[in-house]
Amino acid sequence: MAQPEICQHLLDIKTLKHAKQHVCEECIKTHSQWVHLRTCQTCGTTLCCDDSPNQHMTKHYHLTSHPVVISSEPGERWLWCYPDESFAEY
């Protein structure tokens, strides 16, 4: 079976940015809850995933066009590219 093609945004990531703290920076400000965390690979911001009520990381992508995030969950090792809807494990 052929491997799915990895987009250029994912190939451009050389050094991963990891969460400085295991919190959604925006949920903390509004006293909201989150489910899982993602870290932006352009600016290093850590925000909540789409399963969370506020979906802060997707909102961050729409505001900034920063294309790639990693999972900030312990034990998860993957990247996601928003514009190309491309996934890769590392």
N, C-alpha and C. Protein backbone atom coordinates (compact mmCIF):
# COMPACT_ATOMS: atom_id res chain seq x y z
N MET A 1 0.85 -1.17 0.00
CA MET A 1 0.00 0.00 0.00
C MET A 1 0.90 1.24 0.00
N ALA A 2 0.57 2.22 -0.81
CA ALA A 2 1.35 3.45 -0.92
C ALA A 2 1.14 4.34 0.29
N GLN A 3 2.22 4.99 0.73
CA GLN A 3 2.12 5.94 1.83
C GLN A 3 1.48 7.23 1.34
N PRO A 4 0.64 7.89 2.16
CA PRO A 4 0.06 9.17 1.76
C PRO A 4 1.17 10.22 1.61
N GLU A 5 0.97 11.13 0.69
CA GLU A 5 1.95 12.17 0.46
C GLU A 5 1.94 13.17 1.61
N ILE A 6 3.12 13.57 2.06
CA ILE A 6 3.24 14.55 3.13
C ILE A 6 3.41 15.93 2.50
N CYS A 7 2.68 16.90 2.99
CA CYS A 7 2.70 18.24 2.40
C CYS A 7 3.99 18.99 2.73
N GLN A 8 4.27 20.03 1.99
CA GLN A 8 5.49 20.81 2.17
C GLN A 8 5.53 21.51 3.52
N HIS A 9 4.36 21.93 4.04
CA HIS A 9 4.33 22.58 5.36
C HIS A 9 4.92 21.65 6.43
N LEU A 10 4.55 20.38 6.37
CA LEU A 10 5.07 19.42 7.35
C LEU A 10 6.54 19.15 7.11
N LEU A 11 6.95 19.06 5.87
CA LEU A 11 8.36 18.82 5.54
C LEU A 11 9.25 19.98 5.97
N ASP A 12 8.69 21.19 6.02
CA ASP A 12 9.46 22.37 6.40
C ASP A 12 9.77 22.44 7.90
N ILE A 13 9.09 21.66 8.73
CA ILE A 13 9.32 21.68 10.18
C ILE A 13 10.63 20.95 10.47
N LYS A 14 11.59 21.66 11.02
CA LYS A 14 12.91 21.08 11.33
C LYS A 14 13.07 20.85 12.84
N THR A 15 12.60 21.78 13.65
CA THR A 15 12.68 21.68 15.10
C THR A 15 11.29 21.88 15.67
N LEU A 16 10.83 20.92 16.45
CA LEU A 16 9.48 21.01 17.01
C LEU A 16 9.43 21.95 18.19
N LYS A 17 8.35 22.75 18.23
CA LYS A 17 8.07 23.60 19.38
C LYS A 17 7.09 22.82 20.26
N HIS A 18 7.44 22.67 21.54
CA HIS A 18 6.58 21.96 22.47
C HIS A 18 5.94 22.93 23.45
N ALA A 19 4.85 22.51 24.07
CA ALA A 19 4.14 23.34 25.04
C ALA A 19 5.06 23.72 26.18
N LYS A 20 5.04 25.00 26.54
CA LYS A 20 5.81 25.46 27.69
C LYS A 20 5.09 25.05 28.98
N GLN A 21 3.76 25.11 28.94
CA GLN A 21 2.91 24.66 30.05
C GLN A 21 1.80 23.83 29.44
N HIS A 22 1.27 22.89 30.21
CA HIS A 22 0.21 22.01 29.70
C HIS A 22 -1.17 22.63 29.99
N VAL A 23 -1.40 23.81 29.38
CA VAL A 23 -2.67 24.52 29.52
C VAL A 23 -3.02 25.20 28.21
N CYS A 24 -4.31 25.42 27.98
CA CYS A 24 -4.75 26.25 26.85
C CYS A 24 -4.64 27.70 27.31
N GLU A 25 -3.80 28.45 26.64
CA GLU A 25 -3.55 29.84 27.02
C GLU A 25 -4.82 30.70 27.00
N GLU A 26 -5.73 30.43 26.07
CA GLU A 26 -6.98 31.21 26.00
C GLU A 26 -8.03 30.72 26.99
N CYS A 27 -8.13 29.42 27.20
CA CYS A 27 -9.10 28.90 28.17
C CYS A 27 -8.77 29.39 29.58
N ILE A 28 -7.49 29.51 29.90
CA ILE A 28 -7.08 30.02 31.21
C ILE A 28 -7.64 31.43 31.41
N LYS A 29 -7.57 32.25 30.38
CA LYS A 29 -8.05 33.64 30.49
C LYS A 29 -9.54 33.72 30.74
N THR A 30 -10.31 32.77 30.19
CA THR A 30 -11.77 32.81 30.29
C THR A 30 -12.33 31.78 31.27
N HIS A 31 -11.44 31.09 32.00
CA HIS A 31 -11.85 30.07 32.96
C HIS A 31 -12.65 28.96 32.30
N SER A 32 -12.27 28.62 31.06
CA SER A 32 -12.93 27.55 30.30
C SER A 32 -12.18 26.24 30.47
N GLN A 33 -12.79 25.18 30.01
CA GLN A 33 -12.19 23.84 30.05
C GLN A 33 -11.72 23.44 28.66
N TRP A 34 -10.73 22.57 28.61
CA TRP A 34 -10.27 22.03 27.33
C TRP A 34 -10.21 20.52 27.43
N VAL A 35 -10.14 19.87 26.24
CA VAL A 35 -10.05 18.41 26.17
C VAL A 35 -8.61 17.99 25.89
N HIS A 36 -8.06 18.46 24.77
CA HIS A 36 -6.68 18.15 24.39
C HIS A 36 -6.00 19.44 23.95
N LEU A 37 -4.68 19.40 23.93
CA LEU A 37 -3.91 20.60 23.59
C LEU A 37 -3.09 20.39 22.32
N ARG A 38 -2.90 21.48 21.57
CA ARG A 38 -2.08 21.50 20.36
C ARG A 38 -1.14 22.69 20.46
N THR A 39 0.07 22.56 19.90
CA THR A 39 1.04 23.64 19.92
C THR A 39 1.35 24.06 18.49
N CYS A 40 1.20 25.35 18.21
CA CYS A 40 1.47 25.93 16.90
C CYS A 40 2.97 25.84 16.62
N GLN A 41 3.32 25.36 15.44
CA GLN A 41 4.72 25.20 15.09
C GLN A 41 5.32 26.46 14.47
N THR A 42 4.52 27.50 14.30
CA THR A 42 5.05 28.79 13.83
C THR A 42 5.42 29.66 15.02
N CYS A 43 4.52 29.80 15.99
CA CYS A 43 4.75 30.75 17.09
C CYS A 43 4.87 30.11 18.46
N GLY A 44 4.57 28.82 18.60
CA GLY A 44 4.70 28.13 19.88
C GLY A 44 3.53 28.26 20.82
N THR A 45 2.44 28.89 20.39
CA THR A 45 1.25 29.04 21.22
C THR A 45 0.60 27.68 21.44
N THR A 46 0.17 27.40 22.67
CA THR A 46 -0.53 26.15 22.97
C THR A 46 -1.98 26.47 23.27
N LEU A 47 -2.87 25.81 22.52
CA LEU A 47 -4.31 26.05 22.63
C LEU A 47 -5.07 24.74 22.53
N CYS A 48 -6.38 24.81 22.80
CA CYS A 48 -7.21 23.61 22.82
C CYS A 48 -7.62 23.13 21.43
N CYS A 49 -7.96 21.84 21.36
CA CYS A 49 -8.31 21.16 20.11
C CYS A 49 -9.78 21.37 19.74
N ASP A 50 -10.17 20.78 18.61
CA ASP A 50 -11.54 20.90 18.13
C ASP A 50 -12.56 20.12 18.95
N ASP A 51 -12.12 19.18 19.78
CA ASP A 51 -13.04 18.48 20.68
C ASP A 51 -13.36 19.34 21.91
N SER A 52 -12.61 20.40 22.11
CA SER A 52 -12.84 21.32 23.23
C SER A 52 -13.94 22.31 22.86
N PRO A 53 -14.67 22.82 23.84
CA PRO A 53 -15.79 23.73 23.55
C PRO A 53 -15.40 24.97 22.73
N ASN A 54 -14.22 25.53 22.98
CA ASN A 54 -13.86 26.79 22.32
C ASN A 54 -13.01 26.65 21.06
N GLN A 55 -12.45 25.48 20.82
CA GLN A 55 -11.67 25.20 19.61
C GLN A 55 -10.66 26.32 19.31
N HIS A 56 -9.89 26.69 20.32
CA HIS A 56 -9.00 27.84 20.18
C HIS A 56 -7.90 27.65 19.13
N MET A 57 -7.37 26.41 18.96
CA MET A 57 -6.29 26.26 17.98
C MET A 57 -6.79 26.47 16.55
N THR A 58 -7.95 25.99 16.22
CA THR A 58 -8.49 26.23 14.88
C THR A 58 -8.77 27.71 14.67
N LYS A 59 -9.27 28.38 15.70
CA LYS A 59 -9.48 29.83 15.60
C LYS A 59 -8.14 30.54 15.39
N HIS A 60 -7.09 30.09 16.07
CA HIS A 60 -5.75 30.64 15.90
C HIS A 60 -5.29 30.48 14.45
N TYR A 61 -5.51 29.30 13.90
CA TYR A 61 -5.14 29.08 12.49
C TYR A 61 -5.87 30.06 11.57
N HIS A 62 -7.18 30.23 11.76
CA HIS A 62 -7.95 31.13 10.90
C HIS A 62 -7.52 32.59 11.05
N LEU A 63 -7.08 32.98 12.23
CA LEU A 63 -6.61 34.36 12.45
C LEU A 63 -5.20 34.60 11.92
N THR A 64 -4.34 33.59 12.00
CA THR A 64 -2.92 33.78 11.71
C THR A 64 -2.42 33.12 10.43
N SER A 65 -3.13 32.11 9.97
CA SER A 65 -2.69 31.25 8.85
C SER A 65 -1.44 30.44 9.19
N HIS A 66 -1.12 30.27 10.47
CA HIS A 66 -0.01 29.40 10.86
C HIS A 66 -0.45 27.97 10.56
N PRO A 67 0.23 27.26 9.67
CA PRO A 67 -0.32 26.03 9.12
C PRO A 67 -0.23 24.76 9.96
N VAL A 68 0.83 24.59 10.78
CA VAL A 68 1.09 23.28 11.38
C VAL A 68 1.03 23.33 12.91
N VAL A 69 0.40 22.30 13.48
CA VAL A 69 0.36 22.11 14.93
C VAL A 69 0.84 20.71 15.27
N ILE A 70 1.32 20.54 16.51
CA ILE A 70 1.59 19.19 17.01
C ILE A 70 0.65 18.94 18.18
N SER A 71 0.41 17.67 18.44
CA SER A 71 -0.31 17.31 19.64
C SER A 71 0.59 17.59 20.83
N SER A 72 0.03 18.18 21.86
CA SER A 72 0.78 18.43 23.10
C SER A 72 0.34 17.47 24.18
N GLU A 73 -0.29 16.39 23.79
CA GLU A 73 -0.73 15.37 24.74
C GLU A 73 0.39 14.37 24.99
N PRO A 74 0.63 14.02 26.26
CA PRO A 74 1.66 13.03 26.57
C PRO A 74 1.44 11.74 25.79
N GLY A 75 2.51 11.25 25.18
CA GLY A 75 2.44 9.99 24.44
C GLY A 75 2.00 10.13 22.99
N GLU A 76 1.47 11.27 22.60
CA GLU A 76 1.08 11.48 21.20
C GLU A 76 2.22 12.18 20.47
N ARG A 77 2.54 11.68 19.26
CA ARG A 77 3.65 12.23 18.50
C ARG A 77 3.20 12.40 17.04
N TRP A 78 2.43 13.46 16.80
CA TRP A 78 1.97 13.72 15.45
C TRP A 78 1.85 15.20 15.16
N LEU A 79 1.85 15.52 13.87
CA LEU A 79 1.68 16.89 13.37
C LEU A 79 0.47 16.92 12.46
N TRP A 80 -0.18 18.08 12.38
CA TRP A 80 -1.33 18.29 11.50
C TRP A 80 -1.14 19.59 10.75
N CYS A 81 -1.37 19.54 9.44
CA CYS A 81 -1.33 20.74 8.60
C CYS A 81 -2.76 21.13 8.27
N TYR A 82 -3.17 22.32 8.71
CA TYR A 82 -4.54 22.78 8.44
C TYR A 82 -4.82 22.99 6.96
N PRO A 83 -4.03 23.77 6.22
CA PRO A 83 -4.42 24.05 4.83
C PRO A 83 -4.44 22.82 3.93
N ASP A 84 -3.53 21.88 4.18
CA ASP A 84 -3.47 20.70 3.31
C ASP A 84 -4.15 19.48 3.91
N GLU A 85 -4.70 19.65 5.13
CA GLU A 85 -5.34 18.54 5.84
C GLU A 85 -4.46 17.30 5.78
N SER A 86 -3.20 17.49 6.16
CA SER A 86 -2.19 16.44 6.11
C SER A 86 -1.72 16.11 7.51
N PHE A 87 -1.49 14.83 7.76
CA PHE A 87 -1.14 14.31 9.06
C PHE A 87 0.19 13.56 8.94
N ALA A 88 1.04 13.66 9.95
CA ALA A 88 2.28 12.88 9.98
C ALA A 88 2.64 12.56 11.42
N GLU A 89 3.16 11.37 11.62
CA GLU A 89 3.68 10.98 12.93
C GLU A 89 5.16 11.27 12.96
N TYR A 90 5.70 11.52 14.14
CA TYR A 90 7.15 11.72 14.27
C TYR A 90 7.69 10.90 15.41
